[in-house]
Amino acid sequence: IDAYLAEGYSERKARKEAEKWVAKPNYSEHQLGLALDINADKSRCDNDTIYQWLSQNAYRYGFILRYPEGKEDITGIDYEPWHYRYVGKEAAQEIQSENVCLEEYLEKT
């Protein structure tokens, strides 16, 4: 929030922008044990390689990309290619095949 305030954002706008990147205290999927960030061991490959593999394969293990590109208006969070959440293999398969985010999937069920 302070960084956005320093850029001249109003208090309200600074808070709204910060919430796109940082969860409110006690609301983080990480803190709740529902999600993890997956990044490359840079001595072996780069993040883009890992993100590409994850986008094609994570659902096979029950994980979904939690904040996909193009779904920011629905999730309220900017695209995070490293943020994965476990939902189980069946749900992950459906989310992957329908190209929906978790909010859209839950709305249908």
PDB file of N, CA and C in Angstrom:
ATOM      1  N   ILE A   1       0.846  -1.187   0.000  1.00  0.00           N
ATOM      2  CA  ILE A   1       0.000   0.000   0.000  1.00  0.00           C
ATOM      3  C   ILE A   1       0.886   1.243   0.000  1.00  0.00           C
ATOM      4  N   ASP A   2       1.922   1.213   0.841  1.00  0.00           N
ATOM      5  CA  ASP A   2       2.814   2.372   0.923  1.00  0.00           C
ATOM      6  C   ASP A   2       3.469   2.688  -0.414  1.00  0.00           C
ATOM      7  N   ALA A   3       3.842   1.662  -1.157  1.00  0.00           N
ATOM      8  CA  ALA A   3       4.477   1.888  -2.460  1.00  0.00           C
ATOM      9  C   ALA A   3       3.519   2.593  -3.414  1.00  0.00           C
ATOM     10  N   TYR A   4       2.252   2.183  -3.409  1.00  0.00           N
ATOM     11  CA  TYR A   4       1.266   2.840  -4.278  1.00  0.00           C
ATOM     12  C   TYR A   4       0.966   4.256  -3.796  1.00  0.00           C
ATOM     13  N   LEU A   5       0.925   4.467  -2.498  1.00  0.00           N
ATOM     14  CA  LEU A   5       0.731   5.819  -1.956  1.00  0.00           C
ATOM     15  C   LEU A   5       1.870   6.721  -2.400  1.00  0.00           C
ATOM     16  N   ALA A   6       3.099   6.194  -2.370  1.00  0.00           N
ATOM     17  CA  ALA A   6       4.266   6.968  -2.793  1.00  0.00           C
ATOM     18  C   ALA A   6       4.198   7.337  -4.271  1.00  0.00           C
ATOM     19  N   GLU A   7       3.476   6.527  -5.048  1.00  0.00           N
ATOM     20  CA  GLU A   7       3.302   6.820  -6.475  1.00  0.00           C
ATOM     21  C   GLU A   7       2.171   7.810  -6.718  1.00  0.00           C
ATOM     22  N   GLY A   8       1.480   8.218  -5.642  1.00  0.00           N
ATOM     23  CA  GLY A   8       0.428   9.212  -5.781  1.00  0.00           C
ATOM     24  C   GLY A   8      -0.986   8.672  -5.791  1.00  0.00           C
ATOM     25  N   TYR A   9      -1.154   7.364  -5.562  1.00  0.00           N
ATOM     26  CA  TYR A   9      -2.488   6.776  -5.499  1.00  0.00           C
ATOM     27  C   TYR A   9      -3.210   7.250  -4.249  1.00  0.00           C
ATOM     28  N   SER A  10      -4.514   7.349  -4.328  1.00  0.00           N
ATOM     29  CA  SER A  10      -5.304   7.642  -3.132  1.00  0.00           C
ATOM     30  C   SER A  10      -5.239   6.431  -2.203  1.00  0.00           C
ATOM     31  N   GLU A  11      -5.598   6.606  -0.931  1.00  0.00           N
ATOM     32  CA  GLU A  11      -5.582   5.500   0.038  1.00  0.00           C
ATOM     33  C   GLU A  11      -6.441   4.344  -0.464  1.00  0.00           C
ATOM     34  N   ARG A  12      -7.630   4.633  -0.944  1.00  0.00           N
ATOM     35  CA  ARG A  12      -8.569   3.600  -1.426  1.00  0.00           C
ATOM     36  C   ARG A  12      -7.999   2.856  -2.637  1.00  0.00           C
ATOM     37  N   LYS A  13      -7.487   3.611  -3.600  1.00  0.00           N
ATOM     38  CA  LYS A  13      -6.943   3.013  -4.822  1.00  0.00           C
ATOM     39  C   LYS A  13      -5.657   2.228  -4.510  1.00  0.00           C
ATOM     40  N   ALA A  14      -4.828   2.749  -3.612  1.00  0.00           N
ATOM     41  CA  ALA A  14      -3.597   2.054  -3.232  1.00  0.00           C
ATOM     42  C   ALA A  14      -3.922   0.713  -2.590  1.00  0.00           C
ATOM     43  N   ARG A  15      -4.900   0.682  -1.721  1.00  0.00           N
ATOM     44  CA  ARG A  15      -5.305  -0.560  -1.058  1.00  0.00           C
ATOM     45  C   ARG A  15      -5.847  -1.555  -2.089  1.00  0.00           C
ATOM     46  N   LYS A  16      -6.669  -1.070  -3.007  1.00  0.00           N
ATOM     47  CA  LYS A  16      -7.257  -1.943  -4.032  1.00  0.00           C
ATOM     48  C   LYS A  16      -6.178  -2.537  -4.928  1.00  0.00           C
ATOM     49  N   GLU A  17      -5.219  -1.742  -5.341  1.00  0.00           N
ATOM     50  CA  GLU A  17      -4.127  -2.239  -6.185  1.00  0.00           C
ATOM     51  C   GLU A  17      -3.263  -3.242  -5.435  1.00  0.00           C
ATOM     52  N   ALA A  18      -2.951  -2.957  -4.177  1.00  0.00           N
ATOM     53  CA  ALA A  18      -2.118  -3.865  -3.379  1.00  0.00           C
ATOM     54  C   ALA A  18      -2.807  -5.210  -3.183  1.00  0.00           C
ATOM     55  N   GLU A  19      -4.115  -5.208  -3.037  1.00  0.00           N
ATOM     56  CA  GLU A  19      -4.847  -6.456  -2.822  1.00  0.00           C
ATOM     57  C   GLU A  19      -4.842  -7.368  -4.042  1.00  0.00           C
ATOM     58  N   LYS A  20      -4.443  -6.841  -5.190  1.00  0.00           N
ATOM     59  CA  LYS A  20      -4.295  -7.685  -6.377  1.00  0.00           C
ATOM     60  C   LYS A  20      -3.063  -8.583  -6.263  1.00  0.00           C
ATOM     61  N   TRP A  21      -2.120  -8.198  -5.401  1.00  0.00           N
ATOM     62  CA  TRP A  21      -0.855  -8.917  -5.275  1.00  0.00           C
ATOM     63  C   TRP A  21      -0.640  -9.551  -3.913  1.00  0.00           C
ATOM     64  N   VAL A  22      -1.232  -8.972  -2.887  1.00  0.00           N
ATOM     65  CA  VAL A  22      -0.998  -9.444  -1.528  1.00  0.00           C
ATOM     66  C   VAL A  22      -2.346  -9.641  -0.843  1.00  0.00           C
ATOM     67  N   ALA A  23      -2.573 -10.836  -0.328  1.00  0.00           N
ATOM     68  CA  ALA A  23      -3.834 -11.124   0.352  1.00  0.00           C
ATOM     69  C   ALA A  23      -3.913 -10.393   1.684  1.00  0.00           C
ATOM     70  N   LYS A  24      -5.132 -10.079   2.089  1.00  0.00           N
ATOM     71  CA  LYS A  24      -5.358  -9.496   3.406  1.00  0.00           C
ATOM     72  C   LYS A  24      -4.894 -10.512   4.463  1.00  0.00           C
ATOM     73  N   PRO A  25      -4.448 -10.041   5.624  1.00  0.00           N
ATOM     74  CA  PRO A  25      -4.058 -10.976   6.679  1.00  0.00           C
ATOM     75  C   PRO A  25      -5.174 -11.979   6.978  1.00  0.00           C
ATOM     76  N   ASN A  26      -4.782 -13.236   7.121  1.00  0.00           N
ATOM     77  CA  ASN A  26      -5.684 -14.357   7.414  1.00  0.00           C
ATOM     78  C   ASN A  26      -6.559 -14.778   6.229  1.00  0.00           C
ATOM     79  N   TYR A  27      -6.295 -14.253   5.036  1.00  0.00           N
ATOM     80  CA  TYR A  27      -7.060 -14.632   3.847  1.00  0.00           C
ATOM     81  C   TYR A  27      -6.206 -15.316   2.790  1.00  0.00           C
ATOM     82  N   SER A  28      -4.934 -15.462   3.017  1.00  0.00           N
ATOM     83  CA  SER A  28      -4.035 -16.051   2.040  1.00  0.00           C
ATOM     84  C   SER A  28      -4.282 -17.549   1.903  1.00  0.00           C
ATOM     85  N   GLU A  29      -4.368 -18.033   0.674  1.00  0.00           N
ATOM     86  CA  GLU A  29      -4.482 -19.470   0.435  1.00  0.00           C
ATOM     87  C   GLU A  29      -3.240 -20.194   0.950  1.00  0.00           C
ATOM     88  N   HIS A  30      -2.103 -19.528   0.930  1.00  0.00           N
ATOM     89  CA  HIS A  30      -0.872 -20.120   1.462  1.00  0.00           C
ATOM     90  C   HIS A  30      -1.004 -20.307   2.974  1.00  0.00           C
ATOM     91  N   GLN A  31      -1.455 -19.277   3.642  1.00  0.00           N
ATOM     92  CA  GLN A  31      -1.592 -19.323   5.096  1.00  0.00           C
ATOM     93  C   GLN A  31      -2.592 -20.395   5.515  1.00  0.00           C
ATOM     94  N   LEU A  32      -3.616 -20.594   4.706  1.00  0.00           N
ATOM     95  CA  LEU A  32      -4.630 -21.603   5.005  1.00  0.00           C
ATOM     96  C   LEU A  32      -4.189 -23.013   4.612  1.00  0.00           C
ATOM     97  N   GLY A  33      -3.059 -23.132   3.913  1.00  0.00           N
ATOM     98  CA  GLY A  33      -2.544 -24.437   3.515  1.00  0.00           C
ATOM     99  C   GLY A  33      -3.186 -24.985   2.255  1.00  0.00           C
ATOM    100  N   LEU A  34      -3.787 -24.126   1.458  1.00  0.00           N
ATOM    101  CA  LEU A  34      -4.489 -24.565   0.249  1.00  0.00           C
ATOM    102  C   LEU A  34      -3.675 -24.424  -1.028  1.00  0.00           C
ATOM    103  N   ALA A  35      -2.594 -23.655  -0.984  1.00  0.00           N
ATOM    104  CA  ALA A  35      -1.867 -23.357  -2.214  1.00  0.00           C
ATOM    105  C   ALA A  35      -0.369 -23.292  -1.962  1.00  0.00           C
ATOM    106  N   LEU A  36       0.376 -23.344  -3.073  1.00  0.00           N
ATOM    107  CA  LEU A  36       1.822 -23.209  -3.016  1.00  0.00           C
ATOM    108  C   LEU A  36       2.302 -22.496  -4.267  1.00  0.00           C
ATOM    109  N   ASP A  37       3.473 -21.906  -4.168  1.00  0.00           N
ATOM    110  CA  ASP A  37       4.115 -21.272  -5.314  1.00  0.00           C
ATOM    111  C   ASP A  37       5.171 -22.225  -5.840  1.00  0.00           C
ATOM    112  N   ILE A  38       5.203 -22.395  -7.160  1.00  0.00           N
ATOM    113  CA  ILE A  38       6.165 -23.295  -7.792  1.00  0.00           C
ATOM    114  C   ILE A  38       6.998 -22.483  -8.778  1.00  0.00           C
ATOM    115  N   ASN A  39       8.288 -22.450  -8.528  1.00  0.00           N
ATOM    116  CA  ASN A  39       9.224 -21.747  -9.396  1.00  0.00           C
ATOM    117  C   ASN A  39      10.404 -22.658  -9.716  1.00  0.00           C
ATOM    118  N   ALA A  40      11.193 -22.255 -10.694  1.00  0.00           N
ATOM    119  CA  ALA A  40      12.298 -23.075 -11.179  1.00  0.00           C
ATOM    120  C   ALA A  40      13.496 -23.043 -10.249  1.00  0.00           C
ATOM    121  N   ASP A  41      14.228 -24.134 -10.264  1.00  0.00           N
ATOM    122  CA  ASP A  41      15.580 -24.159  -9.738  1.00  0.00           C
ATOM    123  C   ASP A  41      16.403 -23.553 -10.876  1.00  0.00           C
ATOM    124  N   LYS A  42      16.780 -22.316 -10.741  1.00  0.00           N
ATOM    125  CA  LYS A  42      17.384 -21.574 -11.843  1.00  0.00           C
ATOM    126  C   LYS A  42      18.728 -22.142 -12.298  1.00  0.00           C
ATOM    127  N   SER A  43      19.317 -23.051 -11.524  1.00  0.00           N
ATOM    128  CA  SER A  43      20.553 -23.685 -11.980  1.00  0.00           C
ATOM    129  C   SER A  43      20.253 -24.769 -13.007  1.00  0.00           C
ATOM    130  N   ARG A  44      18.966 -25.127 -13.153  1.00  0.00           N
ATOM    131  CA  ARG A  44      18.579 -26.199 -14.083  1.00  0.00           C
ATOM    132  C   ARG A  44      17.751 -25.706 -15.267  1.00  0.00           C
ATOM    133  N   CYS A  45      16.891 -24.702 -15.038  1.00  0.00           N
ATOM    134  CA  CYS A  45      16.057 -24.162 -16.118  1.00  0.00           C
ATOM    135  C   CYS A  45      15.462 -22.833 -15.663  1.00  0.00           C
ATOM    136  N   ASP A  46      14.625 -22.244 -16.502  1.00  0.00           N
ATOM    137  CA  ASP A  46      14.036 -20.955 -16.142  1.00  0.00           C
ATOM    138  C   ASP A  46      12.566 -21.112 -15.757  1.00  0.00           C
ATOM    139  N   ASN A  47      12.022 -20.064 -15.168  1.00  0.00           N
ATOM    140  CA  ASN A  47      10.628 -20.103 -14.725  1.00  0.00           C
ATOM    141  C   ASN A  47       9.658 -20.356 -15.872  1.00  0.00           C
ATOM    142  N   ASP A  48       9.897 -19.744 -17.025  1.00  0.00           N
ATOM    143  CA  ASP A  48       8.974 -19.921 -18.152  1.00  0.00           C
ATOM    144  C   ASP A  48       8.832 -21.392 -18.539  1.00  0.00           C
ATOM    145  N   THR A  49       9.925 -22.129 -18.499  1.00  0.00           N
ATOM    146  CA  THR A  49       9.883 -23.561 -18.810  1.00  0.00           C
ATOM    147  C   THR A  49       9.009 -24.295 -17.800  1.00  0.00           C
ATOM    148  N   ILE A  50       9.192 -23.978 -16.532  1.00  0.00           N
ATOM    149  CA  ILE A  50       8.405 -24.603 -15.473  1.00  0.00           C
ATOM    150  C   ILE A  50       6.930 -24.236 -15.605  1.00  0.00           C
ATOM    151  N   TYR A  51       6.639 -22.962 -15.827  1.00  0.00           N
ATOM    152  CA  TYR A  51       5.240 -22.522 -15.942  1.00  0.00           C
ATOM    153  C   TYR A  51       4.548 -23.195 -17.121  1.00  0.00           C
ATOM    154  N   GLN A  52       5.263 -23.365 -18.220  1.00  0.00           N
ATOM    155  CA  GLN A  52       4.693 -24.028 -19.388  1.00  0.00           C
ATOM    156  C   GLN A  52       4.379 -25.492 -19.066  1.00  0.00           C
ATOM    157  N   TRP A  53       5.302 -26.175 -18.420  1.00  0.00           N
ATOM    158  CA  TRP A  53       5.078 -27.574 -18.053  1.00  0.00           C
ATOM    159  C   TRP A  53       3.898 -27.680 -17.090  1.00  0.00           C
ATOM    160  N   LEU A  54       3.858 -26.820 -16.105  1.00  0.00           N
ATOM    161  CA  LEU A  54       2.765 -26.848 -15.128  1.00  0.00           C
ATOM    162  C   LEU A  54       1.411 -26.618 -15.799  1.00  0.00           C
ATOM    163  N   SER A  55       1.354 -25.661 -16.716  1.00  0.00           N
ATOM    164  CA  SER A  55       0.071 -25.369 -17.376  1.00  0.00           C
ATOM    165  C   SER A  55      -0.438 -26.556 -18.181  1.00  0.00           C
ATOM    166  N   GLN A  56       0.467 -27.419 -18.634  1.00  0.00           N
ATOM    167  CA  GLN A  56       0.080 -28.582 -19.423  1.00  0.00           C
ATOM    168  C   GLN A  56      -0.099 -29.851 -18.600  1.00  0.00           C
ATOM    169  N   ASN A  57       0.432 -29.884 -17.387  1.00  0.00           N
ATOM    170  CA  ASN A  57       0.459 -31.143 -16.645  1.00  0.00           C
ATOM    171  C   ASN A  57      -0.052 -31.114 -15.211  1.00  0.00           C
ATOM    172  N   ALA A  58      -0.103 -29.976 -14.564  1.00  0.00           N
ATOM    173  CA  ALA A  58      -0.438 -29.923 -13.134  1.00  0.00           C
ATOM    174  C   ALA A  58      -1.793 -30.559 -12.831  1.00  0.00           C
ATOM    175  N   TYR A  59      -2.762 -30.395 -13.736  1.00  0.00           N
ATOM    176  CA  TYR A  59      -4.100 -30.945 -13.497  1.00  0.00           C
ATOM    177  C   TYR A  59      -4.063 -32.464 -13.335  1.00  0.00           C
ATOM    178  N   ARG A  60      -3.114 -33.122 -13.962  1.00  0.00           N
ATOM    179  CA  ARG A  60      -2.993 -34.586 -13.866  1.00  0.00           C
ATOM    180  C   ARG A  60      -2.704 -35.045 -12.438  1.00  0.00           C
ATOM    181  N   TYR A  61      -2.190 -34.129 -11.650  1.00  0.00           N
ATOM    182  CA  TYR A  61      -1.848 -34.425 -10.260  1.00  0.00           C
ATOM    183  C   TYR A  61      -2.823 -33.764  -9.277  1.00  0.00           C
ATOM    184  N   GLY A  62      -3.876 -33.139  -9.818  1.00  0.00           N
ATOM    185  CA  GLY A  62      -4.905 -32.536  -8.967  1.00  0.00           C
ATOM    186  C   GLY A  62      -4.712 -31.065  -8.667  1.00  0.00           C
ATOM    187  N   PHE A  63      -3.772 -30.417  -9.352  1.00  0.00           N
ATOM    188  CA  PHE A  63      -3.498 -29.002  -9.102  1.00  0.00           C
ATOM    189  C   PHE A  63      -4.026 -28.131 -10.245  1.00  0.00           C
ATOM    190  N   ILE A  64      -4.428 -26.912  -9.890  1.00  0.00           N
ATOM    191  CA  ILE A  64      -4.861 -25.937 -10.896  1.00  0.00           C
ATOM    192  C   ILE A  64      -4.074 -24.644 -10.732  1.00  0.00           C
ATOM    193  N   LEU A  65      -3.901 -23.947 -11.839  1.00  0.00           N
ATOM    194  CA  LEU A  65      -3.359 -22.593 -11.791  1.00  0.00           C
ATOM    195  C   LEU A  65      -4.446 -21.737 -11.153  1.00  0.00           C
ATOM    196  N   ARG A  66      -4.170 -21.189 -10.007  1.00  0.00           N
ATOM    197  CA  ARG A  66      -5.210 -20.514  -9.236  1.00  0.00           C
ATOM    198  C   ARG A  66      -5.631 -19.180  -9.826  1.00  0.00           C
ATOM    199  N   TYR A  67      -4.695 -18.417 -10.371  1.00  0.00           N
ATOM    200  CA  TYR A  67      -5.010 -17.092 -10.905  1.00  0.00           C
ATOM    201  C   TYR A  67      -4.570 -17.002 -12.365  1.00  0.00           C
ATOM    202  N   PRO A  68      -5.374 -17.589 -13.277  1.00  0.00           N
ATOM    203  CA  PRO A  68      -4.975 -17.628 -14.692  1.00  0.00           C
ATOM    204  C   PRO A  68      -5.098 -16.274 -15.391  1.00  0.00           C
ATOM    205  N   GLU A  69      -4.299 -16.146 -16.436  1.00  0.00           N
ATOM    206  CA  GLU A  69      -4.327 -14.954 -17.274  1.00  0.00           C
ATOM    207  C   GLU A  69      -5.687 -14.835 -17.954  1.00  0.00           C
ATOM    208  N   GLY A  70      -6.218 -13.625 -17.983  1.00  0.00           N
ATOM    209  CA  GLY A  70      -7.513 -13.388 -18.608  1.00  0.00           C
ATOM    210  C   GLY A  70      -8.695 -13.584 -17.677  1.00  0.00           C
ATOM    211  N   LYS A  71      -8.451 -14.003 -16.452  1.00  0.00           N
ATOM    212  CA  LYS A  71      -9.527 -14.234 -15.478  1.00  0.00           C
ATOM    213  C   LYS A  71      -9.435 -13.257 -14.307  1.00  0.00           C
ATOM    214  N   GLU A  72      -8.631 -12.209 -14.453  1.00  0.00           N
ATOM    215  CA  GLU A  72      -8.398 -11.258 -13.368  1.00  0.00           C
ATOM    216  C   GLU A  72      -9.682 -10.595 -12.872  1.00  0.00           C
ATOM    217  N   ASP A  73     -10.599 -10.308 -13.787  1.00  0.00           N
ATOM    218  CA  ASP A  73     -11.860  -9.677 -13.382  1.00  0.00           C
ATOM    219  C   ASP A  73     -12.720 -10.618 -12.541  1.00  0.00           C
ATOM    220  N   ILE A  74     -12.513 -11.912 -12.699  1.00  0.00           N
ATOM    221  CA  ILE A  74     -13.302 -12.903 -11.957  1.00  0.00           C
ATOM    222  C   ILE A  74     -12.630 -13.233 -10.621  1.00  0.00           C
ATOM    223  N   THR A  75     -11.312 -13.441 -10.644  1.00  0.00           N
ATOM    224  CA  THR A  75     -10.608 -13.828  -9.417  1.00  0.00           C
ATOM    225  C   THR A  75     -10.291 -12.639  -8.519  1.00  0.00           C
ATOM    226  N   GLY A  76     -10.166 -11.459  -9.129  1.00  0.00           N
ATOM    227  CA  GLY A  76      -9.784 -10.273  -8.372  1.00  0.00           C
ATOM    228  C   GLY A  76      -8.287 -10.192  -8.115  1.00  0.00           C
ATOM    229  N   ILE A  77      -7.522 -11.120  -8.695  1.00  0.00           N
ATOM    230  CA  ILE A  77      -6.071 -11.186  -8.500  1.00  0.00           C
ATOM    231  C   ILE A  77      -5.397 -11.210  -9.869  1.00  0.00           C
ATOM    232  N   ASP A  78      -4.297 -10.483  -9.992  1.00  0.00           N
ATOM    233  CA  ASP A  78      -3.550 -10.491 -11.250  1.00  0.00           C
ATOM    234  C   ASP A  78      -2.979 -11.882 -11.520  1.00  0.00           C
ATOM    235  N   TYR A  79      -2.710 -12.143 -12.780  1.00  0.00           N
ATOM    236  CA  TYR A  79      -2.146 -13.405 -13.250  1.00  0.00           C
ATOM    237  C   TYR A  79      -0.899 -13.762 -12.448  1.00  0.00           C
ATOM    238  N   GLU A  80      -0.871 -14.975 -11.905  1.00  0.00           N
ATOM    239  CA  GLU A  80       0.273 -15.484 -11.147  1.00  0.00           C
ATOM    240  C   GLU A  80       0.598 -16.887 -11.649  1.00  0.00           C
ATOM    241  N   PRO A  81       1.518 -16.995 -12.612  1.00  0.00           N
ATOM    242  CA  PRO A  81       1.801 -18.304 -13.219  1.00  0.00           C
ATOM    243  C   PRO A  81       2.460 -19.295 -12.266  1.00  0.00           C
ATOM    244  N   TRP A  82       2.831 -18.881 -11.088  1.00  0.00           N
ATOM    245  CA  TRP A  82       3.498 -19.733 -10.105  1.00  0.00           C
ATOM    246  C   TRP A  82       2.570 -20.259  -9.015  1.00  0.00           C
ATOM    247  N   HIS A  83       1.345 -19.751  -8.925  1.00  0.00           N
ATOM    248  CA  HIS A  83       0.446 -20.024  -7.793  1.00  0.00           C
ATOM    249  C   HIS A  83      -0.511 -21.173  -8.133  1.00  0.00           C
ATOM    250  N   TYR A  84      -0.320 -22.305  -7.462  1.00  0.00           N
ATOM    251  CA  TYR A  84      -1.132 -23.499  -7.731  1.00  0.00           C
ATOM    252  C   TYR A  84      -1.887 -23.930  -6.476  1.00  0.00           C
ATOM    253  N   ARG A  85      -3.070 -24.467  -6.701  1.00  0.00           N
ATOM    254  CA  ARG A  85      -3.919 -24.931  -5.607  1.00  0.00           C
ATOM    255  C   ARG A  85      -4.345 -26.366  -5.885  1.00  0.00           C
ATOM    256  N   TYR A  86      -4.340 -27.164  -4.850  1.00  0.00           N
ATOM    257  CA  TYR A  86      -4.791 -28.545  -4.981  1.00  0.00           C
ATOM    258  C   TYR A  86      -6.310 -28.591  -4.857  1.00  0.00           C
ATOM    259  N   VAL A  87      -6.963 -29.217  -5.858  1.00  0.00           N
ATOM    260  CA  VAL A  87      -8.422 -29.365  -5.844  1.00  0.00           C
ATOM    261  C   VAL A  87      -8.842 -30.817  -6.058  1.00  0.00           C
ATOM    262  N   GLY A  88      -7.890 -31.704  -6.269  1.00  0.00           N
ATOM    263  CA  GLY A  88      -8.179 -33.100  -6.566  1.00  0.00           C
ATOM    264  C   GLY A  88      -8.158 -33.332  -8.065  1.00  0.00           C
ATOM    265  N   LYS A  89      -7.897 -34.561  -8.453  1.00  0.00           N
ATOM    266  CA  LYS A  89      -7.725 -34.876  -9.874  1.00  0.00           C
ATOM    267  C   LYS A  89      -8.987 -34.653 -10.690  1.00  0.00           C
ATOM    268  N   GLU A  90     -10.143 -35.046 -10.170  1.00  0.00           N
ATOM    269  CA  GLU A  90     -11.389 -34.906 -10.931  1.00  0.00           C
ATOM    270  C   GLU A  90     -11.728 -33.438 -11.191  1.00  0.00           C
ATOM    271  N   ALA A  91     -11.688 -32.626 -10.155  1.00  0.00           N
ATOM    272  CA  ALA A  91     -11.995 -31.202 -10.323  1.00  0.00           C
ATOM    273  C   ALA A  91     -10.957 -30.524 -11.209  1.00  0.00           C
ATOM    274  N   ALA A  92      -9.683 -30.866 -11.006  1.00  0.00           N
ATOM    275  CA  ALA A  92      -8.622 -30.266 -11.821  1.00  0.00           C
ATOM    276  C   ALA A  92      -8.806 -30.598 -13.301  1.00  0.00           C
ATOM    277  N   GLN A  93      -9.197 -31.834 -13.605  1.00  0.00           N
ATOM    278  CA  GLN A  93      -9.436 -32.240 -14.989  1.00  0.00           C
ATOM    279  C   GLN A  93     -10.570 -31.411 -15.601  1.00  0.00           C
ATOM    280  N   GLU A  94     -11.649 -31.238 -14.866  1.00  0.00           N
ATOM    281  CA  GLU A  94     -12.788 -30.451 -15.365  1.00  0.00           C
ATOM    282  C   GLU A  94     -12.401 -28.988 -15.582  1.00  0.00           C
ATOM    283  N   ILE A  95     -11.703 -28.419 -14.621  1.00  0.00           N
ATOM    284  CA  ILE A  95     -11.283 -27.016 -14.731  1.00  0.00           C
ATOM    285  C   ILE A  95     -10.365 -26.835 -15.925  1.00  0.00           C
ATOM    286  N   GLN A  96      -9.446 -27.755 -16.122  1.00  0.00           N
ATOM    287  CA  GLN A  96      -8.520 -27.697 -17.256  1.00  0.00           C
ATOM    288  C   GLN A  96      -9.266 -27.827 -18.583  1.00  0.00           C
ATOM    289  N   SER A  97     -10.122 -28.833 -18.681  1.00  0.00           N
ATOM    290  CA  SER A  97     -10.789 -29.087 -19.966  1.00  0.00           C
ATOM    291  C   SER A  97     -11.795 -27.999 -20.327  1.00  0.00           C
ATOM    292  N   GLU A  98     -12.386 -27.367 -19.325  1.00  0.00           N
ATOM    293  CA  GLU A  98     -13.363 -26.298 -19.585  1.00  0.00           C
ATOM    294  C   GLU A  98     -12.724 -24.919 -19.645  1.00  0.00           C
ATOM    295  N   ASN A  99     -11.419 -24.847 -19.342  1.00  0.00           N
ATOM    296  CA  ASN A  99     -10.681 -23.582 -19.352  1.00  0.00           C
ATOM    297  C   ASN A  99     -11.367 -22.519 -18.492  1.00  0.00           C
ATOM    298  N   VAL A 100     -11.713 -22.912 -17.260  1.00  0.00           N
ATOM    299  CA  VAL A 100     -12.345 -21.994 -16.323  1.00  0.00           C
ATOM    300  C   VAL A 100     -11.436 -21.811 -15.106  1.00  0.00           C
ATOM    301  N   CYS A 101     -11.692 -20.778 -14.350  1.00  0.00           N
ATOM    302  CA  CYS A 101     -10.972 -20.591 -13.089  1.00  0.00           C
ATOM    303  C   CYS A 101     -11.806 -21.208 -11.961  1.00  0.00           C
ATOM    304  N   LEU A 102     -11.246 -21.268 -10.779  1.00  0.00           N
ATOM    305  CA  LEU A 102     -11.926 -21.915  -9.663  1.00  0.00           C
ATOM    306  C   LEU A 102     -13.273 -21.272  -9.356  1.00  0.00           C
ATOM    307  N   GLU A 103     -13.358 -19.961  -9.417  1.00  0.00           N
ATOM    308  CA  GLU A 103     -14.626 -19.273  -9.152  1.00  0.00           C
ATOM    309  C   GLU A 103     -15.708 -19.693 -10.145  1.00  0.00           C
ATOM    310  N   GLU A 104     -15.346 -19.793 -11.411  1.00  0.00           N
ATOM    311  CA  GLU A 104     -16.318 -20.211 -12.427  1.00  0.00           C
ATOM    312  C   GLU A 104     -16.739 -21.662 -12.206  1.00  0.00           C
ATOM    313  N   TYR A 105     -15.778 -22.503 -11.865  1.00  0.00           N
ATOM    314  CA  TYR A 105     -16.067 -23.919 -11.603  1.00  0.00           C
ATOM    315  C   TYR A 105     -17.014 -24.065 -10.419  1.00  0.00           C
ATOM    316  N   LEU A 106     -16.732 -23.361  -9.334  1.00  0.00           N
ATOM    317  CA  LEU A 106     -17.568 -23.460  -8.140  1.00  0.00           C
ATOM    318  C   LEU A 106     -18.964 -22.905  -8.363  1.00  0.00           C
ATOM    319  N   GLU A 107     -19.063 -21.912  -9.215  1.00  0.00           N
ATOM    320  CA  GLU A 107     -20.370 -21.333  -9.548  1.00  0.00           C
ATOM    321  C   GLU A 107     -21.264 -22.350 -10.254  1.00  0.00           C
ATOM    322  N   LYS A 108     -20.656 -23.222 -11.031  1.00  0.00           N
ATOM    323  CA  LYS A 108     -21.400 -24.233 -11.783  1.00  0.00           C
ATOM    324  C   LYS A 108     -21.822 -25.412 -10.926  1.00  0.00           C
ATOM    325  N   THR A 109     -21.073 -25.702  -9.845  1.00  0.00           N
ATOM    326  CA  THR A 109     -21.338 -26.891  -9.044  1.00  0.00           C
ATOM    327  C   THR A 109     -22.294 -26.615  -7.910  1.00  0.00           C
TER     328      THR A 109
END
